[in-house]
C-alpha atoms as a PDB file:
ATOM      1  CA  UNK A   1      54.423   8.402   7.913  1.00  0.00           C
ATOM      2  CA  UNK A   2      52.329   6.784  10.612  1.00  0.00           C
ATOM      3  CA  UNK A   3      50.013   4.008   9.475  1.00  0.00           C
ATOM      4  CA  UNK A   4      46.289   4.068  10.224  1.00  0.00           C
ATOM      5  CA  UNK A   5      43.888   1.154  10.230  1.00  0.00           C
ATOM      6  CA  UNK A   6      41.977   1.126   6.962  1.00  0.00           C
ATOM      7  CA  UNK A   7      44.265   3.786   5.532  1.00  0.00           C
ATOM      8  CA  UNK A   8      41.464   6.238   6.211  1.00  0.00           C
ATOM      9  CA  UNK A   9      42.105   9.960   6.506  1.00  0.00           C
ATOM     10  CA  UNK A  10      38.527  10.811   7.346  1.00  0.00           C
ATOM     11  CA  UNK A  11      37.390  13.259  10.026  1.00  0.00           C
ATOM     12  CA  UNK A  12      36.372  10.419  12.351  1.00  0.00           C
ATOM     13  CA  UNK A  13      39.879   9.149  13.085  1.00  0.00           C
ATOM     14  CA  UNK A  14      41.061  11.681  15.703  1.00  0.00           C
ATOM     15  CA  UNK A  15      41.172  10.118  19.164  1.00  0.00           C
ATOM     16  CA  UNK A  16      38.525  12.438  20.597  1.00  0.00           C
ATOM     17  CA  UNK A  17      35.996  11.533  17.848  1.00  0.00           C
ATOM     18  CA  UNK A  18      36.742   7.797  17.540  1.00  0.00           C
ATOM     19  CA  UNK A  19      34.814   5.035  19.296  1.00  0.00           C
ATOM     20  CA  UNK A  20      37.451   2.387  18.529  1.00  0.00           C
ATOM     21  CA  UNK A  21      41.173   2.691  19.245  1.00  0.00           C
ATOM     22  CA  UNK A  22      43.658   0.395  17.524  1.00  0.00           C
ATOM     23  CA  UNK A  23      46.816  -0.195  19.568  1.00  0.00           C
ATOM     24  CA  UNK A  24      49.748  -1.798  17.723  1.00  0.00           C
ATOM     25  CA  UNK A  25      52.021  -3.813  20.043  1.00  0.00           C
ATOM     26  CA  UNK A  26      55.112  -4.984  18.116  1.00  0.00           C
ATOM     27  CA  UNK A  27      56.389  -7.631  20.523  1.00  0.00           C
ATOM     28  CA  UNK A  28      58.127 -10.879  19.710  1.00  0.00           C
ATOM     29  CA  UNK A  29      60.561 -11.664  22.504  1.00  0.00           C
ATOM     30  CA  UNK A  30      59.208 -15.006  23.717  1.00  0.00           C
ATOM     31  CA  UNK A  31      58.295 -16.614  20.395  1.00  0.00           C
ATOM     32  CA  UNK A  32      59.684 -20.131  20.102  1.00  0.00           C
ATOM     33  CA  UNK A  33      58.491 -21.304  16.684  1.00  0.00           C
ATOM     34  CA  UNK A  34      58.768 -18.597  14.047  1.00  0.00           C
ATOM     35  CA  UNK A  35      60.467 -15.293  14.707  1.00  0.00           C
ATOM     36  CA  UNK A  36      59.165 -11.971  13.386  1.00  0.00           C
ATOM     37  CA  UNK A  37      55.844 -11.487  15.173  1.00  0.00           C
ATOM     38  CA  UNK A  38      56.977  -8.000  16.150  1.00  0.00           C
ATOM     39  CA  UNK A  39      56.500  -7.074  12.475  1.00  0.00           C
ATOM     40  CA  UNK A  40      52.830  -8.126  12.580  1.00  0.00           C
ATOM     41  CA  UNK A  41      51.207  -4.814  13.552  1.00  0.00           C
ATOM     42  CA  UNK A  42      52.892  -2.898  10.736  1.00  0.00           C
ATOM     43  CA  UNK A  43      51.965  -5.594   8.198  1.00  0.00           C
ATOM     44  CA  UNK A  44      48.345  -5.640   9.384  1.00  0.00           C
ATOM     45  CA  UNK A  45      48.063  -1.852   9.189  1.00  0.00           C
ATOM     46  CA  UNK A  46      49.584  -1.774   5.700  1.00  0.00           C
ATOM     47  CA  UNK A  47      47.234  -4.517   4.479  1.00  0.00           C
ATOM     48  CA  UNK A  48      44.208  -2.857   6.101  1.00  0.00           C
ATOM     49  CA  UNK A  49      44.385  -0.087   3.508  1.00  0.00           C
ATOM     50  CA  UNK A  50      43.075  -2.635   1.009  1.00  0.00           C
ATOM     51  CA  UNK A  51      40.038  -3.878   2.915  1.00  0.00           C
ATOM     52  CA  UNK A  52      36.477  -3.298   1.811  1.00  0.00           C
ATOM     53  CA  UNK A  53      35.058  -0.586   4.029  1.00  0.00           C
ATOM     54  CA  UNK A  54      31.420  -1.549   3.469  1.00  0.00           C
ATOM     55  CA  UNK A  55      30.223  -4.281   5.836  1.00  0.00           C
ATOM     56  CA  UNK A  56      27.605  -6.340   3.967  1.00  0.00           C
ATOM     57  CA  UNK A  57      26.239  -7.972   7.124  1.00  0.00           C
ATOM     58  CA  UNK A  58      25.676  -4.680   8.939  1.00  0.00           C
ATOM     59  CA  UNK A  59      24.822  -2.712   5.816  1.00  0.00           C
ATOM     60  CA  UNK A  60      27.133   0.169   6.800  1.00  0.00           C
ATOM     61  CA  UNK A  61      30.623   1.451   6.270  1.00  0.00           C
ATOM     62  CA  UNK A  62      31.990   0.393   9.650  1.00  0.00           C
ATOM     63  CA  UNK A  63      34.795   2.957   9.684  1.00  0.00           C
ATOM     64  CA  UNK A  64      32.161   5.667  10.205  1.00  0.00           C
ATOM     65  CA  UNK A  65      32.080   4.817  13.937  1.00  0.00           C
ATOM     66  CA  UNK A  66      35.561   6.346  14.073  1.00  0.00           C
ATOM     67  CA  UNK A  67      38.690   4.217  14.231  1.00  0.00           C
ATOM     68  CA  UNK A  68      41.749   5.865  15.716  1.00  0.00           C
ATOM     69  CA  UNK A  69      45.142   4.212  15.344  1.00  0.00           C
ATOM     70  CA  UNK A  70      47.625   4.929  18.100  1.00  0.00           C
ATOM     71  CA  UNK A  71      51.382   4.939  17.550  1.00  0.00           C
ATOM     72  CA  UNK A  72      52.961   1.554  18.226  1.00  0.00           C
ATOM     73  CA  UNK A  73      53.378   0.925  21.941  1.00  0.00           C
ATOM     74  CA  UNK A  74      57.080   1.105  22.760  1.00  0.00           C
ATOM     75  CA  UNK A  75      57.785  -2.338  24.169  1.00  0.00           C
ATOM     76  CA  UNK A  76      61.249  -2.695  22.683  1.00  0.00           C
ATOM     77  CA  UNK A  77      63.661  -3.819  25.365  1.00  0.00           C
ATOM     78  CA  UNK A  78      60.968  -4.888  27.831  1.00  0.00           C
ATOM     79  CA  UNK A  79      60.749  -8.366  29.254  1.00  0.00           C
ATOM     80  CA  UNK A  80      57.383 -10.109  29.026  1.00  0.00           C
ATOM     81  CA  UNK A  81      56.177  -8.814  32.417  1.00  0.00           C
ATOM     82  CA  UNK A  82      57.111  -5.250  31.501  1.00  0.00           C
ATOM     83  CA  UNK A  83      55.324  -5.553  28.155  1.00  0.00           C
ATOM     84  CA  UNK A  84      52.207  -6.981  29.821  1.00  0.00           C
ATOM     85  CA  UNK A  85      52.200  -4.097  32.308  1.00  0.00           C
ATOM     86  CA  UNK A  86      52.643  -1.523  29.517  1.00  0.00           C
ATOM     87  CA  UNK A  87      49.763  -3.001  27.507  1.00  0.00           C
ATOM     88  CA  UNK A  88      47.560  -3.177  30.597  1.00  0.00           C
ATOM     89  CA  UNK A  89      48.195   0.498  31.398  1.00  0.00           C
ATOM     90  CA  UNK A  90      47.573   1.713  27.848  1.00  0.00           C
ATOM     91  CA  UNK A  91      44.405  -0.364  27.447  1.00  0.00           C
ATOM     92  CA  UNK A  92      43.183   0.935  30.822  1.00  0.00           C
ATOM     93  CA  UNK A  93      43.738   4.484  29.583  1.00  0.00           C
ATOM     94  CA  UNK A  94      41.694   3.729  26.451  1.00  0.00           C
ATOM     95  CA  UNK A  95      38.872   2.104  28.437  1.00  0.00           C
ATOM     96  CA  UNK A  96      38.809   4.961  30.947  1.00  0.00           C
ATOM     97  CA  UNK A  97      37.637   7.314  28.204  1.00  0.00           C
ATOM     98  CA  UNK A  98      34.925   4.879  27.038  1.00  0.00           C
ATOM     99  CA  UNK A  99      36.597   3.731  23.842  1.00  0.00           C
ATOM    100  CA  UNK A 100      36.869   0.162  22.566  1.00  0.00           C
ATOM    101  CA  UNK A 101      40.478  -1.047  22.423  1.00  0.00           C
ATOM    102  CA  UNK A 102      41.625  -3.274  19.562  1.00  0.00           C
ATOM    103  CA  UNK A 103      45.093  -4.719  20.107  1.00  0.00           C
ATOM    104  CA  UNK A 104      47.193  -5.937  17.199  1.00  0.00           C
ATOM    105  CA  UNK A 105      50.425  -7.746  17.880  1.00  0.00           C
ATOM    106  CA  UNK A 106      52.935  -9.287  18.037  1.00  0.00           C
ATOM    107  CA  UNK A 107      52.825 -12.569  19.810  1.00  0.00           C
ATOM    108  CA  UNK A 108      49.951 -14.060  21.769  1.00  0.00           C
ATOM    109  CA  UNK A 109      51.194 -12.731  25.101  1.00  0.00           C
ATOM    110  CA  UNK A 110      50.211  -9.156  24.164  1.00  0.00           C
ATOM    111  CA  UNK A 111      46.639 -10.222  24.957  1.00  0.00           C
ATOM    112  CA  UNK A 112      47.357 -10.793  28.648  1.00  0.00           C
ATOM    113  CA  UNK A 113      47.683  -7.128  29.627  1.00  0.00           C
ATOM    114  CA  UNK A 114      44.691  -6.168  27.487  1.00  0.00           C
ATOM    115  CA  UNK A 115      42.470  -8.816  29.064  1.00  0.00           C
ATOM    116  CA  UNK A 116      43.550  -7.802  32.566  1.00  0.00           C
ATOM    117  CA  UNK A 117      42.691  -4.160  31.866  1.00  0.00           C
ATOM    118  CA  UNK A 118      39.308  -4.882  30.293  1.00  0.00           C
ATOM    119  CA  UNK A 119      38.383  -7.369  33.028  1.00  0.00           C
ATOM    120  CA  UNK A 120      39.130  -4.778  35.702  1.00  0.00           C
ATOM    121  CA  UNK A 121      37.288  -2.017  33.827  1.00  0.00           C
ATOM    122  CA  UNK A 122      34.146  -4.008  33.070  1.00  0.00           C
ATOM    123  CA  UNK A 123      33.892  -6.338  36.059  1.00  0.00           C
ATOM    124  CA  UNK A 124      30.424  -5.228  37.152  1.00  0.00           C
ATOM    125  CA  UNK A 125      27.137  -6.337  35.621  1.00  0.00           C
ATOM    126  CA  UNK A 126      26.264  -2.670  35.041  1.00  0.00           C
ATOM    127  CA  UNK A 127      29.237  -2.192  32.709  1.00  0.00           C
ATOM    128  CA  UNK A 128      28.526  -5.438  30.879  1.00  0.00           C
ATOM    129  CA  UNK A 129      24.999  -4.276  30.061  1.00  0.00           C
ATOM    130  CA  UNK A 130      26.396  -0.921  28.974  1.00  0.00           C
ATOM    131  CA  UNK A 131      28.760  -2.592  26.500  1.00  0.00           C
ATOM    132  CA  UNK A 132      26.010  -4.764  25.024  1.00  0.00           C
ATOM    133  CA  UNK A 133      23.847  -1.718  24.298  1.00  0.00           C
ATOM    134  CA  UNK A 134      26.531  -0.152  22.067  1.00  0.00           C
END
């Protein structure tokens, strides 16, 4: 069974209908303090089935924008540079179809590839304004 963010089986979770794409990145190779960060994405997805779906501040059920959860990115066996490259490519793919990527990891370094991809995708002022209007 593949886990989905929010545990939702609604009609808005298919990739083509979703506006947000959750990308689990189970990476923990360069952790120096506490081992086990590679188990973070699975734990977050399991716990997300218990969250309140109604957002009191927005006054809506936020899942209705469509939240797709991708299979975990296969970063097992990659060094940190390879993992960063894999995350950057996958996040670029998500951005290229005008969806908002949400990365859950793993260790802090999973952010590097995501930031590189988003920076490249939305480097112009035109794109920045476009994002703010959504």
